[in-house]
Structure formats: C-alpha cells, structure tokens
N, C-alpha and C. Protein backbone atom coordinates (compact mmCIF):
# COMPACT_ATOMS: atom_id res chain seq x y z
N MET A 1 48.02 -1.67 -63.06
CA MET A 1 46.95 -0.64 -63.61
C MET A 1 48.94 -0.06 -65.11
N SER A 2 48.40 0.70 -66.58
CA SER A 2 49.65 0.12 -67.21
C SER A 2 50.15 2.44 -66.82
N ARG A 3 51.10 1.85 -67.51
CA ARG A 3 51.86 3.14 -67.28
C ARG A 3 51.58 4.26 -68.51
N SER A 4 50.78 5.29 -68.23
CA SER A 4 50.67 6.48 -68.96
C SER A 4 52.18 7.19 -70.11
N ARG A 5 51.93 7.45 -71.25
CA ARG A 5 53.18 8.30 -71.82
C ARG A 5 52.82 10.16 -71.90
N SER A 6 51.28 9.90 -70.98
CA SER A 6 51.50 11.92 -71.12
C SER A 6 51.93 12.36 -69.74
N TYR A 7 51.87 13.57 -69.60
CA TYR A 7 52.62 14.18 -68.66
C TYR A 7 51.62 15.41 -68.34
N SER A 8 50.99 14.96 -67.28
CA SER A 8 50.41 15.85 -66.39
C SER A 8 50.55 16.62 -65.64
N PRO A 9 51.11 18.01 -64.82
CA PRO A 9 51.88 18.34 -63.56
C PRO A 9 50.73 18.26 -62.30
N SER A 10 50.72 17.64 -61.43
CA SER A 10 50.01 17.56 -60.56
C SER A 10 50.74 18.24 -59.36
N THR A 11 49.63 19.02 -58.46
CA THR A 11 50.00 19.87 -57.05
C THR A 11 49.13 19.35 -56.16
N ARG A 12 49.39 19.08 -55.28
CA ARG A 12 48.68 19.07 -54.17
C ARG A 12 48.25 20.48 -53.10
N THR A 13 47.36 20.48 -52.85
CA THR A 13 47.29 22.08 -52.04
C THR A 13 47.43 21.38 -50.91
N ALA A 14 48.47 21.18 -49.76
CA ALA A 14 48.53 20.44 -48.25
C ALA A 14 49.61 21.26 -48.33
N ASP A 15 50.05 21.28 -46.94
CA ASP A 15 51.17 22.11 -46.64
C ASP A 15 51.45 21.78 -44.74
N LYS A 16 52.25 21.46 -44.25
CA LYS A 16 53.39 21.20 -42.93
C LYS A 16 53.50 21.71 -41.82
N PRO A 17 52.48 21.60 -40.81
CA PRO A 17 52.35 22.57 -39.74
C PRO A 17 53.94 22.62 -39.33
N GLU A 18 54.38 23.95 -38.84
CA GLU A 18 55.70 23.88 -38.08
C GLU A 18 55.65 23.09 -37.10
N PRO A 19 57.13 22.64 -36.90
CA PRO A 19 57.42 21.85 -35.31
C PRO A 19 57.12 22.78 -34.19
N PRO A 20 56.44 22.50 -33.05
CA PRO A 20 56.22 23.88 -31.69
C PRO A 20 57.63 23.90 -32.18
N GLY A 21 57.78 25.46 -31.32
CA GLY A 21 59.19 26.09 -30.95
C GLY A 21 59.85 26.30 -32.33
N THR A 22 59.15 25.69 -33.04
CA THR A 22 60.21 26.65 -34.34
C THR A 22 60.16 27.75 -34.34
N PRO A 23 61.60 28.88 -34.74
CA PRO A 23 61.56 30.28 -35.13
C PRO A 23 61.07 30.47 -36.69
N PRO A 24 60.91 31.55 -36.75
CA PRO A 24 59.93 32.28 -37.89
C PRO A 24 61.41 32.34 -38.95
N ASP A 25 61.25 31.71 -40.25
CA ASP A 25 62.51 31.73 -41.12
C ASP A 25 63.28 33.65 -41.67
N PRO A 26 63.98 33.59 -41.09
CA PRO A 26 65.00 35.02 -41.43
C PRO A 26 64.79 35.06 -42.74
N ARG A 27 64.44 34.28 -43.49
CA ARG A 27 64.89 34.56 -45.08
C ARG A 27 64.17 34.96 -45.86
N PRO A 28 64.16 36.64 -46.71
CA PRO A 28 63.04 37.22 -47.22
C PRO A 28 63.22 36.23 -48.23
N ALA A 29 61.30 36.27 -48.97
CA ALA A 29 60.96 36.29 -50.15
C ALA A 29 61.43 36.10 -51.25
N SER A 30 62.14 34.89 -51.73
CA SER A 30 62.81 35.18 -53.06
C SER A 30 61.62 35.38 -54.03
N PRO A 31 61.90 36.93 -55.15
CA PRO A 31 60.79 37.17 -56.04
C PRO A 31 61.04 36.06 -57.45
N GLY A 32 61.59 35.10 -57.51
CA GLY A 32 61.48 33.82 -58.30
C GLY A 32 61.61 32.85 -58.00
N PRO A 33 61.25 31.60 -58.62
CA PRO A 33 61.74 30.42 -57.75
C PRO A 33 63.37 30.07 -57.54
N SER A 34 63.62 29.57 -56.61
CA SER A 34 65.18 29.23 -56.08
C SER A 34 64.90 27.68 -55.45
N ALA A 35 66.24 27.08 -55.48
CA ALA A 35 66.31 26.17 -54.42
C ALA A 35 67.50 26.04 -53.80
N ARG A 36 66.67 26.50 -52.39
CA ARG A 36 68.05 26.55 -50.96
C ARG A 36 68.92 25.48 -51.05
N SER A 37 67.88 24.74 -50.75
CA SER A 37 68.46 23.00 -50.84
C SER A 37 67.89 21.93 -51.41
N SER A 38 68.46 20.92 -51.72
CA SER A 38 68.27 19.81 -52.63
C SER A 38 68.45 18.60 -52.83
N PRO A 39 68.03 17.47 -52.40
CA PRO A 39 68.99 16.39 -52.96
C PRO A 39 69.58 16.33 -54.02
N ARG A 40 71.08 15.84 -54.41
CA ARG A 40 71.21 15.87 -55.56
C ARG A 40 71.38 14.10 -56.58
N ALA A 41 70.06 12.98 -55.29
CA ALA A 41 69.83 12.38 -56.25
C ALA A 41 68.64 11.91 -54.71
N SER A 42 67.76 11.37 -55.69
CA SER A 42 66.92 10.66 -54.31
C SER A 42 66.16 9.26 -54.84
N PRO A 43 65.49 8.40 -54.37
CA PRO A 43 64.94 7.12 -54.86
C PRO A 43 63.99 7.05 -55.50
N VAL A 44 63.44 6.96 -56.18
CA VAL A 44 62.03 6.99 -57.38
C VAL A 44 61.51 5.64 -57.15
N SER A 45 60.44 5.97 -56.58
CA SER A 45 59.05 4.83 -56.15
C SER A 45 58.57 4.21 -57.93
N PHE A 46 59.07 2.91 -58.10
CA PHE A 46 58.51 2.29 -58.88
C PHE A 46 57.20 0.79 -58.84
N ASP A 47 56.69 1.19 -57.25
CA ASP A 47 55.92 0.23 -56.64
C ASP A 47 54.92 0.98 -55.76
N GLY A 48 54.35 -0.04 -54.81
CA GLY A 48 53.67 1.32 -53.71
C GLY A 48 54.57 1.76 -52.54
N THR A 49 55.72 0.94 -52.69
CA THR A 49 56.61 1.89 -51.45
C THR A 49 56.73 3.19 -51.54
N ALA A 50 56.64 4.20 -50.62
CA ALA A 50 57.26 5.69 -50.43
C ALA A 50 58.39 5.48 -49.75
N ARG A 51 59.46 6.32 -50.64
CA ARG A 51 60.76 6.41 -50.30
C ARG A 51 61.05 7.98 -50.04
N PRO A 52 60.40 8.76 -49.42
CA PRO A 52 60.62 10.11 -49.24
C PRO A 52 62.17 10.34 -48.86
N VAL A 53 62.62 11.58 -48.73
CA VAL A 53 64.08 12.39 -48.28
C VAL A 53 63.14 13.58 -47.99
N LEU A 54 64.35 13.83 -47.11
CA LEU A 54 64.43 15.32 -46.41
C LEU A 54 65.64 16.11 -47.03
N ALA A 55 65.27 17.05 -47.46
CA ALA A 55 66.02 18.01 -47.95
C ALA A 55 65.20 19.47 -47.20
N GLY A 56 66.81 19.85 -46.17
CA GLY A 56 66.66 20.93 -44.94
C GLY A 56 65.11 20.49 -44.63
N ARG A 57 63.86 21.50 -44.27
CA ARG A 57 62.46 20.96 -43.84
C ARG A 57 61.66 20.71 -44.44
N VAL A 58 62.07 20.65 -45.76
CA VAL A 58 61.06 20.15 -46.78
C VAL A 58 61.32 18.64 -47.17
N ARG A 59 60.04 17.44 -47.20
CA ARG A 59 60.46 16.49 -47.55
C ARG A 59 59.68 16.28 -49.00
N LEU A 60 60.46 15.40 -49.68
CA LEU A 60 60.39 14.91 -50.93
C LEU A 60 60.07 13.50 -51.54
N PHE A 61 59.10 13.45 -52.47
CA PHE A 61 58.64 12.38 -53.07
C PHE A 61 58.75 12.41 -54.42
N THR A 62 59.63 11.17 -54.88
CA THR A 62 59.69 10.80 -56.25
C THR A 62 59.05 9.52 -56.48
N GLY A 63 58.15 9.61 -57.86
CA GLY A 63 57.75 7.74 -57.95
C GLY A 63 56.55 7.95 -59.10
N LEU A 64 56.27 6.80 -59.27
CA LEU A 64 55.31 6.47 -60.04
C LEU A 64 54.10 6.30 -59.59
N ARG A 65 52.82 6.71 -59.76
CA ARG A 65 51.41 6.72 -58.60
C ARG A 65 50.37 7.00 -59.64
N SER A 66 49.44 6.66 -59.09
CA SER A 66 47.77 6.19 -60.07
C SER A 66 47.72 7.88 -60.70
N ASP A 67 47.24 8.24 -61.21
CA ASP A 67 46.73 9.22 -61.90
C ASP A 67 45.24 10.14 -61.31
N PRO A 68 44.97 10.76 -60.40
CA PRO A 68 43.32 10.64 -60.19
C PRO A 68 42.80 12.40 -60.96
N PHE A 69 44.16 12.82 -62.06
CA PHE A 69 43.33 13.86 -62.52
C PHE A 69 42.35 13.68 -63.77
N PHE A 70 41.00 13.88 -63.45
CA PHE A 70 40.31 14.00 -64.75
C PHE A 70 40.40 13.91 -65.75
N ALA A 71 39.98 13.61 -66.87
CA ALA A 71 40.95 14.42 -67.89
C ALA A 71 39.97 14.07 -69.35
N ASP A 72 38.81 14.95 -69.60
CA ASP A 72 37.59 14.60 -71.12
C ASP A 72 38.67 15.21 -72.85
N VAL A 73 39.83 14.17 -72.52
CA VAL A 73 40.15 14.52 -73.92
C VAL A 73 39.79 14.91 -75.26
N GLU A 74 38.38 14.37 -75.09
CA GLU A 74 37.39 14.31 -76.05
C GLU A 74 36.97 15.76 -76.75
N GLY A 75 36.23 15.50 -75.36
CA GLY A 75 35.91 17.38 -75.12
C GLY A 75 36.48 18.38 -75.80
N ALA A 76 38.03 18.20 -74.66
CA ALA A 76 38.69 19.50 -74.76
C ALA A 76 39.25 19.75 -76.39
N LEU A 77 38.97 18.26 -77.38
CA LEU A 77 39.80 18.35 -78.55
C LEU A 77 38.24 19.16 -79.60
N HIS A 78 36.86 19.20 -78.87
CA HIS A 78 36.07 19.32 -79.44
C HIS A 78 35.35 20.05 -79.00
N GLY A 79 35.59 21.68 -79.15
CA GLY A 79 34.59 22.38 -79.08
C GLY A 79 34.49 22.47 -77.68
N PHE A 80 35.35 21.83 -76.09
CA PHE A 80 35.06 22.13 -74.35
C PHE A 80 34.14 21.51 -74.70
N GLN A 81 33.10 20.46 -75.63
CA GLN A 81 32.00 20.11 -75.41
C GLN A 81 32.22 18.35 -74.66
N TRP A 82 32.20 18.69 -73.47
CA TRP A 82 32.72 17.76 -72.51
C TRP A 82 31.43 16.24 -72.69
N THR A 83 32.08 14.79 -72.68
CA THR A 83 31.63 13.66 -73.05
C THR A 83 31.41 13.45 -71.53
N GLY A 84 32.33 13.52 -70.61
CA GLY A 84 32.23 12.72 -69.36
C GLY A 84 33.00 11.21 -68.98
N HIS A 85 33.85 11.51 -70.17
CA HIS A 85 34.83 9.89 -70.44
C HIS A 85 35.90 10.35 -69.65
N ASP A 86 37.01 9.66 -68.67
CA ASP A 86 37.95 10.08 -67.99
C ASP A 86 39.28 8.96 -69.00
N ASP A 87 39.51 10.02 -69.61
CA ASP A 87 40.92 9.67 -70.57
C ASP A 87 41.99 8.99 -69.50
N PHE A 88 42.34 9.90 -68.23
CA PHE A 88 43.25 9.32 -67.38
C PHE A 88 42.94 8.21 -66.77
N ALA A 89 42.26 7.74 -66.58
CA ALA A 89 41.70 6.04 -65.58
C ALA A 89 42.92 5.30 -66.01
N ASP A 90 43.14 4.48 -64.87
CA ASP A 90 43.76 3.25 -65.65
C ASP A 90 45.55 4.33 -65.90
N ASN A 91 45.77 4.58 -65.60
CA ASN A 91 46.90 5.17 -65.87
C ASN A 91 48.03 6.01 -64.94
N ASN A 92 48.96 6.12 -65.05
CA ASN A 92 50.10 6.26 -64.09
C ASN A 92 50.66 7.49 -64.58
N VAL A 93 51.46 8.26 -63.11
CA VAL A 93 52.28 9.39 -63.92
C VAL A 93 52.83 9.40 -62.58
N ASP A 94 54.31 9.58 -63.83
CA ASP A 94 55.60 10.15 -63.12
C ASP A 94 55.43 11.51 -61.84
N SER A 95 55.50 11.72 -60.70
CA SER A 95 54.94 11.86 -59.37
C SER A 95 56.20 12.86 -58.71
N ILE A 96 55.49 14.18 -58.64
CA ILE A 96 56.89 14.77 -57.59
C ILE A 96 56.04 15.35 -56.45
N ALA A 97 56.22 15.26 -54.98
CA ALA A 97 55.05 15.91 -53.86
C ALA A 97 56.42 16.45 -53.06
N LEU A 98 56.31 17.74 -52.66
CA LEU A 98 56.77 18.17 -51.51
C LEU A 98 55.83 18.60 -50.43
N GLU A 99 56.45 17.87 -49.23
CA GLU A 99 55.51 18.51 -48.48
C GLU A 99 56.62 19.84 -47.37
N VAL A 100 56.06 21.23 -47.08
CA VAL A 100 56.83 22.23 -46.86
C VAL A 100 56.11 22.40 -45.68
N PRO A 101 56.76 23.25 -44.75
CA PRO A 101 56.08 24.13 -43.64
C PRO A 101 55.65 25.51 -43.82
N ARG A 102 54.84 25.59 -43.32
CA ARG A 102 53.65 26.51 -43.51
C ARG A 102 54.51 27.96 -43.48
N GLY A 103 55.36 28.08 -42.50
CA GLY A 103 56.42 29.15 -41.93
C GLY A 103 56.86 29.67 -43.04
N MET A 104 57.35 28.65 -44.33
CA MET A 104 58.62 28.89 -45.65
C MET A 104 57.65 29.90 -46.08
N PHE A 105 56.30 29.83 -46.40
CA PHE A 105 55.28 30.57 -47.64
C PHE A 105 54.96 32.13 -47.17
N GLY A 106 55.65 32.40 -45.87
CA GLY A 106 55.52 34.09 -45.69
C GLY A 106 53.45 34.27 -45.15
N GLY A 107 52.90 34.88 -45.88
CA GLY A 107 51.55 35.17 -46.12
C GLY A 107 50.67 33.69 -46.58
N PRO A 108 49.22 34.19 -46.09
CA PRO A 108 48.96 32.66 -46.13
C PRO A 108 48.53 32.92 -47.81
N VAL A 109 48.33 33.80 -48.68
CA VAL A 109 48.00 33.53 -49.95
C VAL A 109 49.68 33.55 -51.03
N ILE A 110 49.67 32.36 -51.65
CA ILE A 110 50.50 31.69 -52.44
C ILE A 110 50.12 31.66 -54.30
N GLY A 111 51.21 31.26 -55.04
CA GLY A 111 50.50 31.07 -56.22
C GLY A 111 51.89 30.10 -56.65
N VAL A 112 51.83 29.06 -57.26
CA VAL A 112 52.52 27.86 -57.33
C VAL A 112 52.42 27.85 -58.90
N TRP A 113 53.69 27.13 -59.13
CA TRP A 113 53.92 27.41 -60.40
C TRP A 113 55.37 26.01 -60.59
N ALA A 114 55.85 25.55 -61.94
CA ALA A 114 56.77 24.59 -61.42
C ALA A 114 57.30 24.19 -62.95
N SER A 115 58.59 23.96 -62.80
CA SER A 115 59.21 23.94 -64.43
C SER A 115 60.38 22.75 -64.10
N ILE A 116 60.46 22.20 -65.87
CA ILE A 116 61.35 20.52 -66.05
C ILE A 116 62.26 21.54 -66.57
N SER A 117 63.28 21.50 -66.72
CA SER A 117 64.86 21.95 -67.32
C SER A 117 65.63 20.81 -67.13
N ARG A 118 67.04 20.64 -68.29
CA ARG A 118 67.42 20.03 -68.86
C ARG A 118 68.23 20.75 -68.77
N ARG A 119 69.96 19.72 -68.33
CA ARG A 119 71.17 20.71 -68.45
C ARG A 119 71.85 20.18 -70.04
N ARG A 120 72.35 21.87 -70.19
CA ARG A 120 72.81 21.78 -71.72
C ARG A 120 74.27 20.93 -71.81
N SER A 121 75.26 20.93 -72.55
CA SER A 121 76.49 20.33 -72.39
C SER A 121 77.61 21.21 -71.61
N ASP A 122 77.06 22.41 -71.92
CA ASP A 122 77.69 23.66 -71.69
C ASP A 122 77.57 23.82 -70.19
N GLY A 123 76.48 23.33 -69.31
CA GLY A 123 75.88 23.48 -67.84
C GLY A 123 75.07 24.45 -67.84
N THR A 124 74.62 24.96 -68.81
CA THR A 124 73.46 25.96 -68.73
C THR A 124 72.25 24.95 -68.75
N LEU A 125 71.30 25.76 -68.14
CA LEU A 125 69.64 24.12 -68.08
C LEU A 125 68.98 25.32 -69.13
N GLU A 126 68.00 24.22 -69.61
CA GLU A 126 66.91 24.73 -71.22
C GLU A 126 65.87 24.94 -70.03
N GLN A 127 64.70 25.71 -70.53
CA GLN A 127 63.40 24.90 -69.76
C GLN A 127 62.85 24.41 -70.92
N LEU A 128 62.04 23.34 -70.62
CA LEU A 128 61.47 22.30 -70.72
C LEU A 128 60.04 22.52 -71.25
N ASP A 129 59.41 22.28 -69.95
CA ASP A 129 58.03 22.47 -69.59
C ASP A 129 57.70 23.38 -68.09
N ARG A 130 56.13 23.78 -67.93
CA ARG A 130 56.24 24.48 -67.14
C ARG A 130 54.78 24.72 -66.91
N GLY A 131 54.28 24.87 -65.47
CA GLY A 131 52.25 24.99 -65.31
C GLY A 131 52.44 24.97 -64.39
N GLY A 132 51.01 25.71 -63.79
CA GLY A 132 50.95 25.86 -62.59
C GLY A 132 49.35 25.19 -62.85
N ASN A 133 48.38 25.86 -63.79
CA ASN A 133 47.51 25.50 -63.88
C ASN A 133 47.58 23.93 -64.89
N PRO A 134 47.05 22.75 -64.26
CA PRO A 134 47.12 21.79 -65.07
C PRO A 134 46.10 21.33 -66.53
N THR A 135 47.34 20.98 -67.95
CA THR A 135 46.17 20.83 -69.16
C THR A 135 46.03 22.32 -69.60
N ILE A 136 46.61 23.94 -69.26
CA ILE A 136 46.24 24.76 -69.91
C ILE A 136 46.99 24.50 -71.42
N ASN A 137 48.07 24.21 -71.01
CA ASN A 137 48.84 24.71 -72.74
C ASN A 137 48.24 23.68 -73.35
N PRO A 138 48.92 22.13 -72.73
CA PRO A 138 47.86 21.31 -74.09
C PRO A 138 46.70 21.70 -74.87
N VAL A 139 45.59 21.83 -73.90
CA VAL A 139 44.46 21.75 -74.16
C VAL A 139 44.50 23.38 -74.52
N ILE A 140 44.91 24.29 -74.66
CA ILE A 140 44.55 26.01 -75.54
C ILE A 140 45.17 26.58 -76.41
N ASN A 141 46.66 26.35 -76.30
CA ASN A 141 47.75 26.65 -77.07
C ASN A 141 47.80 25.90 -78.52
N PRO A 142 47.94 26.01 -79.53
CA PRO A 142 48.42 25.41 -81.24
C PRO A 142 49.16 24.91 -80.38
N ASP A 143 49.36 23.88 -81.78
CA ASP A 143 51.13 23.14 -81.87
C ASP A 143 52.13 23.41 -81.64
N GLY A 144 52.12 24.10 -82.80
CA GLY A 144 53.05 24.99 -82.74
C GLY A 144 53.67 26.45 -81.60
N GLU A 145 52.80 26.19 -81.15
CA GLU A 145 52.93 27.35 -79.61
C GLU A 145 53.51 26.90 -78.32
N LYS A 146 53.18 25.59 -78.77
CA LYS A 146 53.50 24.72 -77.20
C LYS A 146 54.59 24.59 -76.98
N ASN A 147 55.63 24.45 -77.25
CA ASN A 147 57.19 24.55 -77.01
C ASN A 147 57.67 25.73 -76.77
N LEU A 148 56.82 26.98 -77.11
CA LEU A 148 57.44 28.27 -76.95
C LEU A 148 56.58 28.84 -75.20
N PHE A 149 55.70 28.48 -75.25
CA PHE A 149 54.79 28.49 -74.06
C PHE A 149 55.48 28.18 -72.56
N ASN A 150 55.75 26.68 -72.84
CA ASN A 150 56.70 25.89 -72.17
C ASN A 150 58.29 26.77 -71.34
N SER A 151 58.85 27.42 -72.12
CA SER A 151 60.26 28.23 -72.35
C SER A 151 59.68 29.43 -71.70
N ARG A 152 58.55 29.90 -71.72
CA ARG A 152 58.40 31.16 -70.98
C ARG A 152 58.39 31.33 -69.37
N GLN A 153 58.05 32.76 -68.90
CA GLN A 153 57.57 32.35 -67.28
C GLN A 153 56.57 33.14 -67.41
N PRO A 154 55.73 32.97 -66.47
CA PRO A 154 54.50 33.25 -66.00
C PRO A 154 54.55 35.00 -65.53
N ALA A 155 54.93 35.64 -65.44
CA ALA A 155 55.01 37.02 -65.44
C ALA A 155 55.06 37.93 -66.73
N ASP A 156 54.86 37.02 -67.73
CA ASP A 156 54.78 37.61 -69.18
C ASP A 156 53.39 37.34 -70.15
N ASP A 157 52.71 36.05 -69.03
CA ASP A 157 51.96 35.36 -69.55
C ASP A 157 50.56 35.99 -69.71
N VAL A 158 50.14 37.27 -69.10
CA VAL A 158 49.52 38.42 -69.78
C VAL A 158 49.73 38.71 -70.60
N ALA A 159 50.36 39.69 -70.84
CA ALA A 159 50.96 40.25 -72.01
C ALA A 159 51.21 39.37 -73.58
N ASN A 160 51.35 38.21 -73.31
CA ASN A 160 51.67 37.07 -74.55
C ASN A 160 50.51 36.37 -74.87
N TYR A 161 49.39 35.83 -73.59
CA TYR A 161 48.37 34.99 -74.26
C TYR A 161 47.05 35.75 -74.06
N LEU A 162 46.37 36.73 -73.69
CA LEU A 162 45.51 37.05 -72.63
C LEU A 162 44.51 37.43 -74.10
N GLN A 163 45.42 37.85 -74.73
CA GLN A 163 44.18 38.34 -76.74
C GLN A 163 43.89 36.87 -77.33
N PRO A 164 45.25 36.39 -77.38
CA PRO A 164 45.30 35.09 -78.65
C PRO A 164 43.94 34.09 -77.88
N TRP A 165 44.16 33.98 -76.60
CA TRP A 165 43.27 33.27 -75.67
C TRP A 165 42.40 33.13 -75.81
N THR A 166 41.70 34.54 -75.51
CA THR A 166 40.25 35.23 -75.54
C THR A 166 40.03 34.89 -76.88
N GLU A 167 40.45 34.85 -77.77
CA GLU A 167 40.19 34.52 -79.48
C GLU A 167 39.55 33.22 -79.23
N ILE A 168 40.32 32.46 -78.95
CA ILE A 168 40.52 30.87 -79.06
C ILE A 168 39.11 30.35 -78.50
N LEU A 169 39.41 31.52 -77.20
CA LEU A 169 37.58 30.63 -76.68
C LEU A 169 36.54 31.52 -77.09
N GLN A 170 36.64 32.88 -77.83
CA GLN A 170 35.44 32.52 -78.43
C GLN A 170 35.41 31.46 -79.78
N ASN A 171 36.07 31.62 -80.86
CA ASN A 171 36.03 30.93 -81.95
C ASN A 171 35.68 29.68 -81.41
N ALA A 172 36.66 28.64 -81.04
CA ALA A 172 35.89 27.46 -80.71
C ALA A 172 35.14 26.79 -79.68
N GLY A 173 35.17 28.05 -78.97
CA GLY A 173 34.12 27.43 -77.10
C GLY A 173 32.99 28.06 -77.22
N GLY A 174 32.53 29.02 -78.12
CA GLY A 174 31.02 29.39 -78.07
C GLY A 174 31.47 30.91 -77.33
N TYR A 175 32.13 31.28 -76.41
CA TYR A 175 32.34 32.45 -75.47
C TYR A 175 31.45 33.43 -76.31
N SER A 176 30.85 34.44 -75.27
CA SER A 176 31.15 35.70 -75.94
C SER A 176 32.98 36.83 -75.34
N PRO A 177 32.51 37.64 -76.60
CA PRO A 177 34.08 38.18 -75.83
C PRO A 177 34.04 38.49 -73.89
N ASP A 178 33.48 39.00 -73.59
CA ASP A 178 33.72 39.10 -72.07
C ASP A 178 33.98 37.81 -71.40
N GLN A 179 33.17 36.65 -71.57
CA GLN A 179 33.44 35.58 -70.78
C GLN A 179 34.16 35.02 -71.54
N ALA A 180 35.00 34.76 -72.59
CA ALA A 180 36.58 34.71 -73.40
C ALA A 180 37.67 35.20 -72.18
N ARG A 181 37.09 36.34 -71.94
CA ARG A 181 38.22 36.88 -71.00
C ARG A 181 38.51 37.15 -69.88
N ALA A 182 37.54 36.90 -69.60
CA ALA A 182 37.20 36.56 -67.95
C ALA A 182 37.85 34.89 -67.72
N ALA A 183 37.49 33.53 -68.79
CA ALA A 183 38.25 32.55 -68.81
C ALA A 183 39.54 32.54 -68.56
N ALA A 184 40.10 33.41 -69.76
CA ALA A 184 41.86 33.42 -70.13
C ALA A 184 41.81 33.82 -68.78
N LEU A 185 41.99 35.32 -68.27
CA LEU A 185 42.12 35.60 -66.98
C LEU A 185 42.00 34.44 -65.80
N GLN A 186 41.22 33.73 -65.77
CA GLN A 186 41.22 32.93 -64.61
C GLN A 186 42.44 32.33 -64.45
N VAL A 187 43.20 31.82 -65.76
CA VAL A 187 44.22 30.58 -65.91
C VAL A 187 45.05 31.53 -66.03
N LEU A 188 45.46 32.82 -66.24
CA LEU A 188 46.95 33.80 -66.44
C LEU A 188 46.79 34.21 -65.31
N PRO A 189 48.13 35.39 -65.50
CA PRO A 189 49.27 33.82 -65.91
C PRO A 189 48.93 32.36 -65.29
N ASP A 190 49.79 31.77 -65.41
CA ASP A 190 49.63 30.36 -65.24
C ASP A 190 50.46 30.16 -64.04
N ILE A 191 50.16 30.48 -63.14
CA ILE A 191 50.12 29.84 -61.83
C ILE A 191 48.69 29.91 -61.11
N LEU A 192 48.90 28.70 -59.49
CA LEU A 192 48.28 27.90 -59.19
C LEU A 192 48.06 28.26 -57.97
N ARG A 193 46.57 29.81 -57.39
CA ARG A 193 46.84 30.61 -56.32
C ARG A 193 45.63 29.73 -55.37
N TYR A 194 46.82 30.27 -54.40
CA TYR A 194 45.91 29.25 -53.38
C TYR A 194 46.11 29.85 -51.69
N ASP A 195 44.69 30.38 -50.93
CA ASP A 195 44.38 30.70 -50.09
C ASP A 195 44.53 30.01 -49.15
N ARG A 196 45.39 29.58 -48.44
CA ARG A 196 45.52 28.66 -46.97
C ARG A 196 44.85 28.58 -46.08
N ASN A 197 44.26 30.14 -46.30
CA ASN A 197 42.84 29.96 -44.97
C ASN A 197 41.49 29.71 -45.52
N LEU A 198 41.42 29.54 -47.21
CA LEU A 198 39.90 28.72 -47.43
C LEU A 198 39.90 27.07 -47.75
N PRO A 199 39.46 26.42 -48.01
CA PRO A 199 39.43 25.16 -48.74
C PRO A 199 39.83 25.07 -49.73
N ALA A 200 40.64 24.33 -49.96
CA ALA A 200 41.54 23.57 -50.92
C ALA A 200 40.74 23.41 -51.92
N ALA A 201 40.13 24.07 -52.93
CA ALA A 201 39.53 22.97 -53.93
C ALA A 201 39.58 24.64 -55.42
N TYR A 202 39.64 23.81 -56.87
CA TYR A 202 39.53 24.73 -57.63
C TYR A 202 39.00 25.49 -57.86
N PRO A 203 39.14 27.01 -58.45
CA PRO A 203 40.38 26.95 -58.51
C PRO A 203 40.92 27.95 -57.54
N ASN A 204 40.68 27.76 -55.83
CA ASN A 204 42.15 27.87 -55.13
C ASN A 204 42.14 26.30 -54.48
N GLY A 205 43.20 27.00 -54.67
CA GLY A 205 44.46 25.84 -55.29
C GLY A 205 44.11 24.77 -55.80
N ARG A 206 44.02 22.95 -55.62
CA ARG A 206 43.46 21.75 -56.36
C ARG A 206 43.09 20.46 -55.44
N GLY A 207 42.33 20.39 -55.30
CA GLY A 207 42.13 18.69 -55.02
C GLY A 207 42.43 17.70 -55.90
N LEU A 208 43.22 16.84 -56.11
CA LEU A 208 43.45 16.06 -56.86
C LEU A 208 42.34 15.33 -57.33
N THR A 209 41.63 15.09 -57.09
CA THR A 209 40.58 15.19 -58.14
C THR A 209 39.58 15.96 -58.94
N ASP A 210 39.94 17.42 -58.70
CA ASP A 210 38.99 18.24 -59.51
C ASP A 210 38.84 18.28 -60.48
N ALA A 211 38.08 18.35 -60.98
CA ALA A 211 37.36 18.40 -62.73
C ALA A 211 38.39 19.49 -63.36
N VAL A 212 39.47 20.10 -62.37
CA VAL A 212 39.87 21.29 -63.22
C VAL A 212 39.46 21.87 -64.85
N SER A 213 39.34 20.89 -66.11
CA SER A 213 39.39 22.16 -67.54
C SER A 213 38.07 21.84 -67.11
N THR A 214 37.09 21.19 -66.50
CA THR A 214 35.41 22.00 -66.90
C THR A 214 35.29 23.29 -65.98
N CYS A 215 36.16 23.18 -64.52
CA CYS A 215 36.29 24.49 -63.87
C CYS A 215 36.34 25.70 -64.80
N ALA A 216 37.11 25.14 -65.43
CA ALA A 216 38.13 26.54 -66.19
C ALA A 216 37.83 27.13 -67.09
N MET A 217 37.08 25.94 -67.91
CA MET A 217 36.63 26.34 -69.33
C MET A 217 35.28 25.59 -69.29
N PRO A 218 34.16 25.84 -68.71
CA PRO A 218 33.10 25.28 -68.63
C PRO A 218 32.48 25.01 -70.25
N GLY A 219 31.75 23.82 -70.62
CA GLY A 219 31.31 23.69 -72.18
C GLY A 219 29.67 24.56 -71.78
C-alpha cells in the first residue's frame, strides 16, 4: 500500500473494561482536555507489528495503518453529489489509538475530540489541528478559514459556525434553511458524541468503516 499524504483523524469507539476489583476513580472530571499521565516517547510502528505502550491505565498505539475511512472527495468538492468512489482506498494514515478503561469516562454519554499542537521556541503550545467528526473542516470550511477553525475550541463552534455553515449547505448543497441548520447542528460543536449503551454507528460514535460524510451531509 502507498503512504497517504492526507490526514484524517480517526476515533475508534471502543472502550476497555476495568479489571475485576478496580476501585472507582476518585478524581473529578476535568472541564476540558487534560493529560494525567503520558509517555514522553513511544515507538511508532511502520510495519505490521503493533508496539503499544502503557500510560497509567491507558494503552497507546501509534503507527501507520491502512485507512478504512471511506472518502468521496469528488462528491465533497462538487456540491455533495456523491460518486461512490473511495479516494482513500490503498492508502495509509498516521494512526493514534487509545484503549481506555470505562471507569475513567464517568457517565455513559461522552464527547470526544482531539487536537494536535507543536511546541514553540518559548515553550508554549500552538494548536495546529483539531476535530471530532471526520472531514468536517476540510469539506465545509473555505480554504481561508481552515487554519482558523483548527486553532479554536469546540465550545465556541456553534457561535462561530452555525450561521455560515447553514448558508454554505443552502448554497452548495441545495438544502432548505431548516434542513441546512439541522445538518450543521449534527456536527456542531465538532465533537464525536458517543452513548456507550448504544451500538457504535455514526453519529453515535463511529465505526471505522462508516461512510461518515454521506451520513452527516446526505446528497
């Protein structure tokens, strides 16, 4: 398989049961993303060998893997008129997989999103990319808005993007005003919602082979 130059965040909606006799986590839920413990360095897999590492009770894997995500790029670029062609077939993606005990989540309903940052020369972090629902920013936002979207937080998404995304879906996708608003609110804020009491199928979490773009923005 060839190595893909594109990036598409992937989230596997599966969690890890607590070992028998594990006490509940006494720490309160954090109001935002935080890292309680993480390895400073972990091996990256460039072949079929998995090299997971432990970070507290969380197991982490990083490496190249075949991309199961279906992406109809031509359909997305031409008014959401889907062609059925998978442009990600035979490509690899840089993958990050976490296995997390159920007890760390709190209640059954969670919202998942991830960000990528780089450390500046002064030691501060600069957020470069983020997402919850796959392909939302690349498909919907104009080129001049993509980096700004990546630098922001999901808590501000409805205020920043509900109106412009509703207009985009009306003009480019042929949606009625009510349909466009409902479709935009399905992915705003840009977090992946998951009720662990229900089967994982988009928009309740995501199976890795789900046709997310078609489900979220049907043509």
